[in-house]
């Protein structure tokens, strides 16, 4: 009884402090039909939808079979690249002052290769989310071409607007990276960046990406 009370109080404290409450058992690579998801981009090759709450941003990406889904998120002078393939990884770029160039000294650290839906795998996704402030399914999970990203709002530190882009590597034609929006092959859809072997410098153009207003 006392243990149950302690767990309940701890959960209430986390909610009050604004920490994300996520059901990681639902992160299975199968997109839901939740009507709260809003369209960002819909096309013949790919669709991208978003849902928000006070603590978390959910992205649903539907396309042909992919080897890699790479999401770029810009806010202020930072760009985060969230990479999902057979494993997950993230790098951060920082904009040079008075320049269009963005630089990093990061390398992808490949983690979370688990594909199962057992409790141990679910717990590892929860830990990865707590440590990195995002998580996604790997490409071999769930339904072919269906990808889920869950991003903690604490990753965004500079106000309530972000810019979003993606570079996608199709399984059948891995040399032909799909750019969302189109025209960003030199930045977010750069083949080396999408493949997980990034250059230290890119000419990102976030002003041409999808603009997302985060809900208060």
N, C-alpha and C. Protein backbone atom coordinates (compact mmCIF):
# COMPACT_ATOMS: atom_id res chain seq x y z
N UNK A 1 0.83 -1.20 0.00
CA UNK A 1 0.00 0.00 0.00
C UNK A 1 0.86 1.26 0.00
N UNK A 2 1.88 1.25 0.89
CA UNK A 2 2.76 2.42 0.96
C UNK A 2 3.54 2.60 -0.33
N UNK A 3 3.98 1.47 -0.93
CA UNK A 3 4.72 1.55 -2.20
C UNK A 3 3.84 2.14 -3.29
N UNK A 4 2.58 1.72 -3.34
CA UNK A 4 1.65 2.24 -4.35
C UNK A 4 1.44 3.74 -4.15
N UNK A 5 1.34 4.18 -2.90
CA UNK A 5 1.15 5.59 -2.60
C UNK A 5 2.38 6.40 -3.04
N UNK A 6 3.57 5.86 -2.76
CA UNK A 6 4.81 6.55 -3.14
C UNK A 6 4.88 6.68 -4.66
N UNK A 7 4.54 5.61 -5.39
CA UNK A 7 4.58 5.65 -6.86
C UNK A 7 3.59 6.68 -7.40
N UNK A 8 2.41 6.73 -6.80
CA UNK A 8 1.40 7.70 -7.24
C UNK A 8 1.86 9.13 -7.01
N UNK A 9 2.43 9.39 -5.82
CA UNK A 9 2.91 10.73 -5.51
C UNK A 9 4.07 11.12 -6.44
N UNK A 10 4.94 10.15 -6.74
CA UNK A 10 6.07 10.42 -7.64
C UNK A 10 5.58 10.79 -9.02
N UNK A 11 4.56 10.08 -9.52
CA UNK A 11 4.00 10.38 -10.83
C UNK A 11 3.38 11.76 -10.86
N UNK A 12 2.64 12.11 -9.81
CA UNK A 12 2.04 13.44 -9.74
C UNK A 12 3.10 14.53 -9.71
N UNK A 13 4.21 14.27 -9.00
CA UNK A 13 5.30 15.24 -8.93
C UNK A 13 5.94 15.43 -10.30
N UNK A 14 6.14 14.35 -11.04
CA UNK A 14 6.72 14.45 -12.38
C UNK A 14 5.83 15.25 -13.30
N UNK A 15 4.52 15.03 -13.24
CA UNK A 15 3.59 15.78 -14.07
C UNK A 15 3.63 17.25 -13.72
N UNK A 16 3.65 17.55 -12.42
CA UNK A 16 3.68 18.93 -11.97
C UNK A 16 4.95 19.63 -12.41
N UNK A 17 6.07 18.90 -12.43
CA UNK A 17 7.34 19.48 -12.84
C UNK A 17 7.46 19.61 -14.35
N UNK A 18 6.51 19.05 -15.10
CA UNK A 18 6.53 19.19 -16.55
C UNK A 18 7.30 18.12 -17.28
N UNK A 19 7.61 17.01 -16.61
CA UNK A 19 8.31 15.93 -17.28
C UNK A 19 7.33 15.13 -18.13
N UNK A 20 7.83 14.66 -19.26
CA UNK A 20 6.97 13.98 -20.22
C UNK A 20 6.49 12.64 -19.67
N UNK A 21 5.22 12.35 -19.89
CA UNK A 21 4.65 11.06 -19.56
C UNK A 21 4.29 10.37 -20.87
N UNK A 22 5.03 9.34 -21.21
CA UNK A 22 4.90 8.68 -22.51
C UNK A 22 4.69 7.19 -22.29
N UNK A 23 3.76 6.61 -23.05
CA UNK A 23 3.56 5.17 -23.02
C UNK A 23 4.46 4.55 -24.08
N UNK A 24 5.65 4.13 -23.69
CA UNK A 24 6.62 3.62 -24.64
C UNK A 24 6.23 2.26 -25.21
N UNK A 25 5.26 1.59 -24.60
CA UNK A 25 4.77 0.34 -25.15
C UNK A 25 4.05 0.56 -26.48
N UNK A 26 3.60 1.81 -26.72
CA UNK A 26 2.91 2.14 -27.96
C UNK A 26 3.87 2.49 -29.09
N UNK A 27 5.16 2.60 -28.79
CA UNK A 27 6.16 2.90 -29.81
C UNK A 27 6.57 1.59 -30.48
N UNK A 28 5.83 1.24 -31.54
CA UNK A 28 6.00 -0.09 -32.14
C UNK A 28 6.16 -0.05 -33.65
N UNK A 29 6.30 1.15 -34.25
CA UNK A 29 6.44 1.22 -35.69
C UNK A 29 5.15 0.98 -36.45
N UNK A 30 4.02 1.20 -35.78
CA UNK A 30 2.70 1.09 -36.40
C UNK A 30 1.93 2.37 -36.09
N UNK A 31 1.67 3.15 -37.13
CA UNK A 31 1.05 4.45 -36.93
C UNK A 31 -0.41 4.31 -36.50
N UNK A 32 -0.81 5.16 -35.57
CA UNK A 32 -2.19 5.16 -35.11
C UNK A 32 -3.03 6.03 -36.03
N UNK A 33 -4.33 5.92 -35.90
CA UNK A 33 -5.27 6.77 -36.65
C UNK A 33 -5.77 7.92 -35.79
N UNK A 34 -4.95 8.33 -34.84
CA UNK A 34 -5.31 9.41 -33.92
C UNK A 34 -5.64 10.68 -34.70
N UNK A 35 -6.86 11.17 -34.53
CA UNK A 35 -7.31 12.35 -35.27
C UNK A 35 -6.60 13.62 -34.82
N UNK A 36 -5.88 13.57 -33.70
CA UNK A 36 -5.17 14.75 -33.23
C UNK A 36 -3.91 15.04 -34.04
N UNK A 37 -3.46 14.09 -34.85
CA UNK A 37 -2.30 14.34 -35.70
C UNK A 37 -2.68 15.28 -36.83
N UNK A 38 -1.84 16.30 -37.04
CA UNK A 38 -2.09 17.29 -38.09
C UNK A 38 -1.06 17.12 -39.20
N UNK A 39 -1.50 17.32 -40.42
CA UNK A 39 -0.62 17.15 -41.58
C UNK A 39 0.40 18.27 -41.67
N UNK A 40 1.65 17.89 -41.88
CA UNK A 40 2.71 18.84 -42.21
C UNK A 40 3.01 18.78 -43.70
N UNK A 41 3.14 17.55 -44.20
CA UNK A 41 3.42 17.34 -45.62
C UNK A 41 2.74 16.06 -46.07
N UNK A 42 2.01 16.14 -47.18
CA UNK A 42 1.36 14.98 -47.77
C UNK A 42 1.70 14.95 -49.25
N UNK A 43 2.24 13.85 -49.70
CA UNK A 43 2.60 13.73 -51.11
C UNK A 43 2.52 12.30 -51.57
N UNK A 44 2.90 12.07 -52.83
CA UNK A 44 2.84 10.73 -53.39
C UNK A 44 3.86 9.80 -52.74
N UNK A 45 4.98 10.37 -52.29
CA UNK A 45 6.06 9.54 -51.77
C UNK A 45 6.05 9.42 -50.25
N UNK A 46 5.54 10.44 -49.56
CA UNK A 46 5.69 10.47 -48.11
C UNK A 46 4.65 11.38 -47.48
N UNK A 47 4.27 11.06 -46.25
CA UNK A 47 3.44 11.96 -45.45
C UNK A 47 4.08 12.14 -44.08
N UNK A 48 3.95 13.34 -43.55
CA UNK A 48 4.52 13.68 -42.25
C UNK A 48 3.45 14.39 -41.43
N UNK A 49 3.18 13.88 -40.24
CA UNK A 49 2.14 14.44 -39.38
C UNK A 49 2.71 14.70 -37.99
N UNK A 50 2.04 15.61 -37.28
CA UNK A 50 2.52 16.01 -35.95
C UNK A 50 1.37 16.05 -34.96
N UNK A 51 1.68 15.70 -33.72
CA UNK A 51 0.76 15.87 -32.59
C UNK A 51 1.56 16.41 -31.43
N UNK A 52 0.96 17.29 -30.65
CA UNK A 52 1.67 17.89 -29.52
C UNK A 52 0.84 17.80 -28.25
N UNK A 53 1.54 17.79 -27.13
CA UNK A 53 0.92 18.11 -25.86
C UNK A 53 1.87 19.03 -25.11
N UNK A 54 1.63 19.26 -23.85
CA UNK A 54 2.43 20.24 -23.11
C UNK A 54 3.89 19.83 -22.97
N UNK A 55 4.18 18.54 -23.10
CA UNK A 55 5.52 18.06 -22.82
C UNK A 55 6.20 17.34 -23.98
N UNK A 56 5.43 16.89 -24.97
CA UNK A 56 5.97 16.01 -25.99
C UNK A 56 5.48 16.42 -27.38
N UNK A 57 6.36 16.24 -28.38
CA UNK A 57 6.00 16.36 -29.79
C UNK A 57 6.10 14.97 -30.41
N UNK A 58 5.02 14.54 -31.07
CA UNK A 58 4.98 13.26 -31.75
C UNK A 58 5.01 13.50 -33.26
N UNK A 59 5.89 12.79 -33.98
CA UNK A 59 5.95 12.86 -35.43
C UNK A 59 5.67 11.49 -36.01
N UNK A 60 4.75 11.43 -36.96
CA UNK A 60 4.45 10.20 -37.69
C UNK A 60 4.87 10.37 -39.14
N UNK A 61 5.69 9.46 -39.62
CA UNK A 61 6.23 9.51 -40.96
C UNK A 61 5.85 8.24 -41.70
N UNK A 62 5.17 8.40 -42.85
CA UNK A 62 4.75 7.26 -43.63
C UNK A 62 5.29 7.39 -45.05
N UNK A 63 5.91 6.31 -45.54
CA UNK A 63 6.58 6.38 -46.83
C UNK A 63 6.77 4.97 -47.37
N UNK A 64 7.56 4.86 -48.44
CA UNK A 64 8.00 3.55 -48.87
C UNK A 64 8.99 2.99 -47.84
N UNK A 65 9.39 1.74 -48.03
CA UNK A 65 10.34 1.10 -47.13
C UNK A 65 11.63 1.92 -47.06
N UNK A 66 12.08 2.23 -45.84
CA UNK A 66 13.26 3.08 -45.65
C UNK A 66 14.39 2.32 -44.97
N UNK A 67 15.61 2.72 -45.30
CA UNK A 67 16.77 2.31 -44.53
C UNK A 67 17.05 3.31 -43.41
N UNK A 68 16.77 4.60 -43.69
CA UNK A 68 17.05 5.67 -42.72
C UNK A 68 15.94 6.72 -42.79
N UNK A 69 15.51 7.16 -41.61
CA UNK A 69 14.70 8.37 -41.48
C UNK A 69 15.48 9.35 -40.62
N UNK A 70 15.85 10.48 -41.20
CA UNK A 70 16.67 11.48 -40.52
C UNK A 70 15.88 12.77 -40.42
N UNK A 71 15.60 13.21 -39.20
CA UNK A 71 14.82 14.41 -38.94
C UNK A 71 15.74 15.53 -38.47
N UNK A 72 15.61 16.71 -39.08
CA UNK A 72 16.37 17.89 -38.66
C UNK A 72 15.42 18.89 -38.01
N UNK A 73 15.81 19.37 -36.84
CA UNK A 73 15.00 20.34 -36.11
C UNK A 73 15.88 21.53 -35.77
N UNK A 74 15.42 22.71 -36.19
CA UNK A 74 16.18 23.94 -35.95
C UNK A 74 15.40 24.84 -34.99
N UNK A 75 16.16 25.43 -34.07
CA UNK A 75 15.61 26.47 -33.20
C UNK A 75 16.76 27.37 -32.78
N UNK A 76 16.59 28.66 -33.05
CA UNK A 76 17.67 29.58 -32.73
C UNK A 76 18.89 29.26 -33.58
N UNK A 77 20.04 29.13 -32.93
CA UNK A 77 21.29 28.86 -33.65
C UNK A 77 21.69 27.39 -33.58
N UNK A 78 20.73 26.50 -33.31
CA UNK A 78 21.03 25.07 -33.19
C UNK A 78 20.19 24.25 -34.16
N UNK A 79 20.79 23.20 -34.69
CA UNK A 79 20.09 22.19 -35.48
C UNK A 79 20.39 20.82 -34.88
N UNK A 80 19.34 20.10 -34.51
CA UNK A 80 19.48 18.73 -34.04
C UNK A 80 19.12 17.78 -35.19
N UNK A 81 19.96 16.78 -35.40
CA UNK A 81 19.70 15.76 -36.41
C UNK A 81 19.41 14.45 -35.68
N UNK A 82 18.18 13.96 -35.82
CA UNK A 82 17.73 12.75 -35.16
C UNK A 82 17.68 11.63 -36.19
N UNK A 83 18.52 10.63 -36.03
CA UNK A 83 18.71 9.58 -37.02
C UNK A 83 18.13 8.27 -36.51
N UNK A 84 17.25 7.66 -37.34
CA UNK A 84 16.70 6.34 -37.02
C UNK A 84 16.96 5.41 -38.20
N UNK A 85 17.66 4.33 -37.95
CA UNK A 85 17.89 3.30 -38.96
C UNK A 85 17.82 1.96 -38.22
N UNK A 86 18.89 1.16 -38.28
CA UNK A 86 18.94 -0.04 -37.44
C UNK A 86 19.24 0.30 -35.99
N UNK A 87 19.67 1.54 -35.75
CA UNK A 87 19.93 2.07 -34.41
C UNK A 87 19.55 3.55 -34.42
N UNK A 88 19.62 4.17 -33.26
CA UNK A 88 19.32 5.60 -33.13
C UNK A 88 20.59 6.37 -32.81
N UNK A 89 20.64 7.62 -33.28
CA UNK A 89 21.76 8.49 -32.97
C UNK A 89 21.36 9.95 -33.18
N UNK A 90 22.14 10.86 -32.60
CA UNK A 90 21.83 12.29 -32.70
C UNK A 90 23.12 13.09 -32.75
N UNK A 91 23.15 14.13 -33.57
CA UNK A 91 24.22 15.12 -33.55
C UNK A 91 23.60 16.51 -33.51
N UNK A 92 24.36 17.45 -32.98
CA UNK A 92 23.90 18.84 -32.90
C UNK A 92 24.85 19.74 -33.65
N UNK A 93 24.30 20.62 -34.49
CA UNK A 93 25.08 21.63 -35.21
C UNK A 93 24.76 23.01 -34.63
N UNK A 94 25.77 23.86 -34.62
CA UNK A 94 25.61 25.24 -34.12
C UNK A 94 26.00 26.20 -35.24
N UNK A 95 25.20 27.22 -35.41
CA UNK A 95 25.41 28.19 -36.50
C UNK A 95 26.59 29.10 -36.19
N UNK A 96 27.45 29.26 -37.21
CA UNK A 96 28.54 30.22 -37.08
C UNK A 96 27.98 31.63 -37.11
N UNK A 97 28.59 32.51 -36.33
CA UNK A 97 28.13 33.90 -36.29
C UNK A 97 28.36 34.56 -37.65
N UNK A 98 27.34 35.29 -38.12
CA UNK A 98 27.40 36.02 -39.39
C UNK A 98 27.75 35.10 -40.56
N UNK A 99 27.15 33.90 -40.57
CA UNK A 99 27.44 32.93 -41.62
C UNK A 99 26.23 32.03 -41.82
N UNK A 100 26.14 31.42 -43.00
CA UNK A 100 25.10 30.42 -43.25
C UNK A 100 25.57 29.02 -42.91
N UNK A 101 26.78 28.89 -42.42
CA UNK A 101 27.33 27.58 -42.11
C UNK A 101 27.03 27.16 -40.67
N UNK A 102 26.80 25.87 -40.53
CA UNK A 102 26.53 25.27 -39.22
C UNK A 102 27.58 24.18 -38.99
N UNK A 103 28.14 24.12 -37.80
CA UNK A 103 29.26 23.21 -37.55
C UNK A 103 28.99 22.30 -36.35
N UNK A 104 29.73 21.18 -36.33
CA UNK A 104 29.64 20.26 -35.20
C UNK A 104 30.97 19.57 -35.01
N UNK A 105 31.21 19.13 -33.80
CA UNK A 105 32.32 18.22 -33.50
C UNK A 105 31.77 16.86 -33.08
N UNK A 106 30.44 16.70 -33.15
CA UNK A 106 29.79 15.46 -32.74
C UNK A 106 29.97 14.36 -33.78
N UNK A 107 29.87 13.14 -33.33
CA UNK A 107 29.70 11.98 -34.17
C UNK A 107 28.50 11.20 -33.64
N UNK A 108 27.82 10.52 -34.53
CA UNK A 108 26.69 9.72 -34.08
C UNK A 108 27.17 8.62 -33.12
N UNK A 109 26.48 8.50 -32.01
CA UNK A 109 26.70 7.41 -31.08
C UNK A 109 25.52 6.44 -31.23
N UNK A 110 25.77 5.27 -31.81
CA UNK A 110 24.70 4.37 -32.17
C UNK A 110 24.23 3.57 -30.96
N UNK A 111 22.93 3.68 -30.68
CA UNK A 111 22.34 3.03 -29.52
C UNK A 111 20.97 2.47 -29.88
N UNK A 112 20.43 1.70 -28.97
CA UNK A 112 19.04 1.24 -29.01
C UNK A 112 18.71 0.46 -30.28
N UNK A 113 19.35 -0.67 -30.44
CA UNK A 113 19.10 -1.51 -31.61
C UNK A 113 17.95 -2.50 -31.37
N UNK A 114 17.39 -2.47 -30.18
CA UNK A 114 16.31 -3.41 -29.84
C UNK A 114 15.11 -3.23 -30.77
N UNK A 115 14.50 -4.33 -31.16
CA UNK A 115 13.31 -4.29 -32.00
C UNK A 115 12.09 -4.90 -31.31
N UNK A 116 12.30 -5.53 -30.16
CA UNK A 116 11.21 -6.24 -29.50
C UNK A 116 10.24 -5.33 -28.77
N UNK A 117 9.14 -5.92 -28.35
CA UNK A 117 8.12 -5.21 -27.57
C UNK A 117 7.98 -5.80 -26.17
N UNK A 118 9.02 -6.52 -25.75
CA UNK A 118 9.05 -7.03 -24.39
C UNK A 118 9.37 -5.90 -23.43
N UNK A 119 9.15 -6.13 -22.15
CA UNK A 119 9.30 -5.06 -21.16
C UNK A 119 10.72 -4.54 -21.09
N UNK A 120 11.70 -5.43 -21.27
CA UNK A 120 13.10 -4.99 -21.22
C UNK A 120 13.40 -4.00 -22.35
N UNK A 121 12.90 -4.27 -23.54
CA UNK A 121 13.12 -3.36 -24.68
C UNK A 121 12.38 -2.06 -24.47
N UNK A 122 11.17 -2.13 -23.95
CA UNK A 122 10.39 -0.91 -23.68
C UNK A 122 11.11 -0.04 -22.66
N UNK A 123 11.66 -0.68 -21.63
CA UNK A 123 12.39 0.08 -20.60
C UNK A 123 13.64 0.75 -21.20
N UNK A 124 14.31 0.08 -22.13
CA UNK A 124 15.48 0.69 -22.76
C UNK A 124 15.09 1.91 -23.59
N UNK A 125 13.93 1.87 -24.24
CA UNK A 125 13.47 3.05 -24.99
C UNK A 125 13.16 4.20 -24.04
N UNK A 126 12.58 3.88 -22.90
CA UNK A 126 12.30 4.91 -21.91
C UNK A 126 13.59 5.55 -21.40
N UNK A 127 14.60 4.74 -21.14
CA UNK A 127 15.88 5.25 -20.67
C UNK A 127 16.54 6.11 -21.74
N UNK A 128 16.50 5.65 -22.99
CA UNK A 128 17.08 6.44 -24.09
C UNK A 128 16.39 7.80 -24.19
N UNK A 129 15.07 7.80 -24.08
CA UNK A 129 14.31 9.05 -24.12
C UNK A 129 14.72 9.98 -22.98
N UNK A 130 14.85 9.45 -21.79
CA UNK A 130 15.25 10.28 -20.64
C UNK A 130 16.64 10.86 -20.83
N UNK A 131 17.54 10.09 -21.43
CA UNK A 131 18.92 10.54 -21.59
C UNK A 131 19.11 11.50 -22.76
N UNK A 132 18.30 11.32 -23.82
CA UNK A 132 18.53 12.05 -25.07
C UNK A 132 17.39 12.99 -25.46
N UNK A 133 16.28 12.89 -24.75
CA UNK A 133 15.11 13.74 -24.97
C UNK A 133 14.41 13.47 -26.30
N UNK A 134 14.60 12.29 -26.84
CA UNK A 134 13.82 11.83 -27.99
C UNK A 134 14.01 10.33 -28.12
N UNK A 135 13.14 9.71 -28.91
CA UNK A 135 13.27 8.30 -29.22
C UNK A 135 12.44 8.03 -30.47
N UNK A 136 12.73 6.93 -31.14
CA UNK A 136 11.98 6.52 -32.33
C UNK A 136 12.04 5.02 -32.46
N UNK A 137 11.19 4.46 -33.32
CA UNK A 137 11.34 3.05 -33.64
C UNK A 137 12.47 2.88 -34.65
N UNK A 138 13.11 1.73 -34.63
CA UNK A 138 14.11 1.41 -35.65
C UNK A 138 13.39 0.90 -36.90
N UNK A 139 14.11 0.89 -38.04
CA UNK A 139 13.46 0.64 -39.31
C UNK A 139 12.91 -0.78 -39.44
N UNK A 140 13.45 -1.73 -38.68
CA UNK A 140 12.98 -3.11 -38.79
C UNK A 140 11.79 -3.41 -37.90
N UNK A 141 11.30 -2.42 -37.18
CA UNK A 141 10.15 -2.61 -36.30
C UNK A 141 8.85 -2.32 -37.04
N UNK A 142 7.81 -3.01 -36.68
CA UNK A 142 6.47 -2.64 -37.09
C UNK A 142 6.17 -2.82 -38.56
N UNK A 143 5.40 -1.88 -39.11
CA UNK A 143 4.92 -1.93 -40.49
C UNK A 143 5.92 -1.23 -41.40
N UNK A 144 6.21 -1.83 -42.53
CA UNK A 144 7.15 -1.25 -43.49
C UNK A 144 6.72 0.16 -43.87
N UNK A 145 7.66 1.11 -43.74
CA UNK A 145 7.39 2.49 -44.14
C UNK A 145 6.66 3.33 -43.10
N UNK A 146 6.45 2.80 -41.90
CA UNK A 146 5.78 3.56 -40.84
C UNK A 146 6.77 3.82 -39.71
N UNK A 147 6.98 5.11 -39.42
CA UNK A 147 8.02 5.50 -38.45
C UNK A 147 7.49 6.54 -37.48
N UNK A 148 7.82 6.34 -36.21
CA UNK A 148 7.34 7.21 -35.14
C UNK A 148 8.53 7.84 -34.41
N UNK A 149 8.46 9.15 -34.21
CA UNK A 149 9.43 9.88 -33.41
C UNK A 149 8.69 10.53 -32.24
N UNK A 150 9.28 10.42 -31.06
CA UNK A 150 8.73 11.07 -29.86
C UNK A 150 9.82 11.99 -29.32
N UNK A 151 9.51 13.29 -29.21
CA UNK A 151 10.52 14.28 -28.85
C UNK A 151 10.06 15.05 -27.62
N UNK A 152 10.92 15.10 -26.62
CA UNK A 152 10.64 15.83 -25.38
C UNK A 152 10.73 17.32 -25.66
N UNK A 153 9.75 18.08 -25.20
CA UNK A 153 9.75 19.53 -25.43
C UNK A 153 10.93 20.21 -24.76
N UNK A 154 11.55 19.56 -23.78
CA UNK A 154 12.71 20.17 -23.12
C UNK A 154 13.91 20.28 -24.04
N UNK A 155 13.86 19.58 -25.19
CA UNK A 155 14.92 19.72 -26.18
C UNK A 155 14.91 21.12 -26.80
N UNK A 156 13.75 21.78 -26.77
CA UNK A 156 13.60 23.09 -27.38
C UNK A 156 13.69 24.16 -26.29
N UNK A 157 14.74 24.96 -26.34
CA UNK A 157 15.01 25.88 -25.24
C UNK A 157 14.77 27.34 -25.59
N UNK A 158 14.50 27.62 -26.86
CA UNK A 158 14.49 29.02 -27.30
C UNK A 158 13.13 29.46 -27.85
N UNK A 159 12.10 29.39 -27.04
CA UNK A 159 10.80 29.89 -27.48
C UNK A 159 9.90 28.79 -28.00
N UNK A 160 8.94 29.17 -28.83
CA UNK A 160 7.84 28.29 -29.18
C UNK A 160 7.71 28.03 -30.68
N UNK A 161 8.76 28.31 -31.45
CA UNK A 161 8.74 28.03 -32.88
C UNK A 161 9.96 27.19 -33.25
N UNK A 162 9.73 26.14 -34.03
CA UNK A 162 10.83 25.33 -34.54
C UNK A 162 10.67 25.20 -36.05
N UNK A 163 11.78 24.86 -36.72
CA UNK A 163 11.74 24.55 -38.14
C UNK A 163 12.12 23.07 -38.30
N UNK A 164 11.43 22.40 -39.21
CA UNK A 164 11.55 20.96 -39.31
C UNK A 164 11.80 20.55 -40.76
N UNK A 165 12.72 19.61 -40.97
CA UNK A 165 12.99 19.04 -42.28
C UNK A 165 13.36 17.58 -42.10
N UNK A 166 13.46 16.85 -43.22
CA UNK A 166 13.81 15.43 -43.14
C UNK A 166 14.57 15.00 -44.38
N UNK A 167 15.45 14.02 -44.19
CA UNK A 167 16.13 13.34 -45.28
C UNK A 167 15.87 11.85 -45.13
N UNK A 168 15.33 11.22 -46.17
CA UNK A 168 14.90 9.83 -46.09
C UNK A 168 15.65 8.99 -47.13
N UNK A 169 16.15 7.83 -46.69
CA UNK A 169 16.89 6.92 -47.58
C UNK A 169 16.02 5.71 -47.89
N UNK A 170 15.47 5.63 -49.12
CA UNK A 170 14.64 4.48 -49.49
C UNK A 170 15.46 3.19 -49.57
N UNK A 171 14.83 2.09 -49.21
CA UNK A 171 15.53 0.80 -49.24
C UNK A 171 15.86 0.37 -50.67
N UNK A 172 14.95 0.63 -51.62
CA UNK A 172 15.17 0.19 -53.00
C UNK A 172 16.15 1.07 -53.75
N UNK A 173 16.18 2.37 -53.43
CA UNK A 173 17.07 3.31 -54.13
C UNK A 173 17.81 4.16 -53.10
N UNK A 174 18.74 3.57 -52.34
CA UNK A 174 19.41 4.30 -51.26
C UNK A 174 20.26 5.47 -51.73
N UNK A 175 20.57 5.52 -53.02
CA UNK A 175 21.36 6.63 -53.54
C UNK A 175 20.50 7.83 -53.89
N UNK A 176 19.19 7.70 -53.75
CA UNK A 176 18.27 8.80 -54.08
C UNK A 176 17.55 9.25 -52.80
N UNK A 177 18.16 10.17 -52.08
CA UNK A 177 17.62 10.66 -50.81
C UNK A 177 16.39 11.53 -51.08
N UNK A 178 15.31 11.27 -50.34
CA UNK A 178 14.12 12.09 -50.43
C UNK A 178 14.25 13.26 -49.47
N UNK A 179 13.99 14.46 -49.96
CA UNK A 179 14.11 15.68 -49.15
C UNK A 179 12.73 16.22 -48.81
N UNK A 180 12.54 16.49 -47.53
CA UNK A 180 11.33 17.17 -47.04
C UNK A 180 11.73 18.41 -46.27
N UNK A 181 11.29 19.61 -46.72
CA UNK A 181 10.70 19.90 -48.03
C UNK A 181 11.72 19.64 -49.14
N UNK A 182 11.28 19.67 -50.38
CA UNK A 182 12.18 19.45 -51.50
C UNK A 182 13.18 20.60 -51.60
N UNK A 183 14.37 20.28 -52.10
CA UNK A 183 15.36 21.32 -52.35
C UNK A 183 16.40 21.50 -51.28
N UNK A 184 16.51 20.56 -50.33
CA UNK A 184 17.48 20.72 -49.24
C UNK A 184 18.53 19.62 -49.26
N UNK A 185 18.90 19.19 -50.48
CA UNK A 185 19.88 18.12 -50.64
C UNK A 185 21.27 18.53 -50.14
N UNK A 186 21.54 19.83 -50.06
CA UNK A 186 22.84 20.30 -49.57
C UNK A 186 22.89 20.35 -48.05
N UNK A 187 21.74 20.23 -47.41
CA UNK A 187 21.70 20.33 -45.95
C UNK A 187 21.11 19.09 -45.31
N UNK A 188 19.86 19.17 -44.89
CA UNK A 188 19.26 18.08 -44.13
C UNK A 188 19.18 16.79 -44.94
N UNK A 189 19.05 16.87 -46.26
CA UNK A 189 18.97 15.68 -47.10
C UNK A 189 20.30 15.32 -47.74
N UNK A 190 21.40 15.84 -47.21
CA UNK A 190 22.71 15.48 -47.71
C UNK A 190 22.94 13.98 -47.50
N UNK A 191 23.38 13.25 -48.53
CA UNK A 191 23.52 11.79 -48.41
C UNK A 191 24.43 11.33 -47.27
N UNK A 192 25.54 12.03 -47.04
CA UNK A 192 26.44 11.63 -45.96
C UNK A 192 25.78 11.83 -44.60
N UNK A 193 25.07 12.94 -44.43
CA UNK A 193 24.40 13.21 -43.17
C UNK A 193 23.33 12.16 -42.92
N UNK A 194 22.53 11.86 -43.92
CA UNK A 194 21.45 10.89 -43.77
C UNK A 194 22.01 9.50 -43.51
N UNK A 195 23.13 9.17 -44.14
CA UNK A 195 23.71 7.84 -43.97
C UNK A 195 24.37 7.64 -42.61
N UNK A 196 24.57 8.74 -41.86
CA UNK A 196 25.18 8.63 -40.54
C UNK A 196 26.66 8.91 -40.50
N UNK A 197 27.19 9.48 -41.58
CA UNK A 197 28.62 9.83 -41.65
C UNK A 197 28.74 11.32 -41.97
N UNK A 198 28.36 12.18 -41.02
CA UNK A 198 28.16 13.60 -41.33
C UNK A 198 29.46 14.38 -41.54
N UNK A 199 29.37 15.38 -42.39
CA UNK A 199 30.44 16.37 -42.50
C UNK A 199 30.42 17.27 -41.27
N UNK A 200 31.54 17.89 -40.92
CA UNK A 200 31.55 18.80 -39.77
C UNK A 200 30.84 20.11 -40.03
N UNK A 201 30.56 20.44 -41.31
CA UNK A 201 29.93 21.71 -41.66
C UNK A 201 28.88 21.50 -42.74
N UNK A 202 27.73 22.16 -42.56
CA UNK A 202 26.67 22.14 -43.58
C UNK A 202 26.07 23.53 -43.72
N UNK A 203 25.52 23.79 -44.91
CA UNK A 203 24.79 25.03 -45.16
C UNK A 203 23.30 24.76 -45.00
N UNK A 204 22.87 24.59 -43.76
CA UNK A 204 21.44 24.39 -43.51
C UNK A 204 20.69 25.69 -43.82
N UNK A 205 19.45 25.54 -44.31
CA UNK A 205 18.60 26.70 -44.61
C UNK A 205 17.25 26.53 -43.91
N UNK A 206 17.23 26.65 -42.57
CA UNK A 206 15.99 26.40 -41.82
C UNK A 206 14.83 27.31 -42.19
N UNK A 207 15.11 28.48 -42.72
CA UNK A 207 14.01 29.38 -43.09
C UNK A 207 13.15 28.78 -44.19
N UNK A 208 13.68 27.79 -44.92
CA UNK A 208 12.91 27.12 -45.95
C UNK A 208 12.29 25.81 -45.50
N UNK A 209 12.44 25.46 -44.22
CA UNK A 209 11.88 24.23 -43.69
C UNK A 209 10.44 24.47 -43.24
N UNK A 210 9.78 23.40 -42.80
CA UNK A 210 8.43 23.53 -42.27
C UNK A 210 8.49 24.28 -40.94
N UNK A 211 7.66 25.28 -40.81
CA UNK A 211 7.62 26.07 -39.57
C UNK A 211 6.53 25.50 -38.66
N UNK A 212 6.91 25.16 -37.45
CA UNK A 212 6.00 24.55 -36.48
C UNK A 212 5.87 25.45 -35.27
N UNK A 213 4.65 25.84 -34.98
CA UNK A 213 4.38 26.61 -33.76
C UNK A 213 4.05 25.63 -32.64
N UNK A 214 4.90 25.61 -31.62
CA UNK A 214 4.66 24.73 -30.49
C UNK A 214 3.52 25.27 -29.63
N UNK A 215 2.65 24.39 -29.23
CA UNK A 215 1.50 24.80 -28.42
C UNK A 215 1.94 25.08 -26.99
N UNK A 216 1.33 26.10 -26.39
CA UNK A 216 1.64 26.42 -24.99
C UNK A 216 1.00 25.39 -24.06
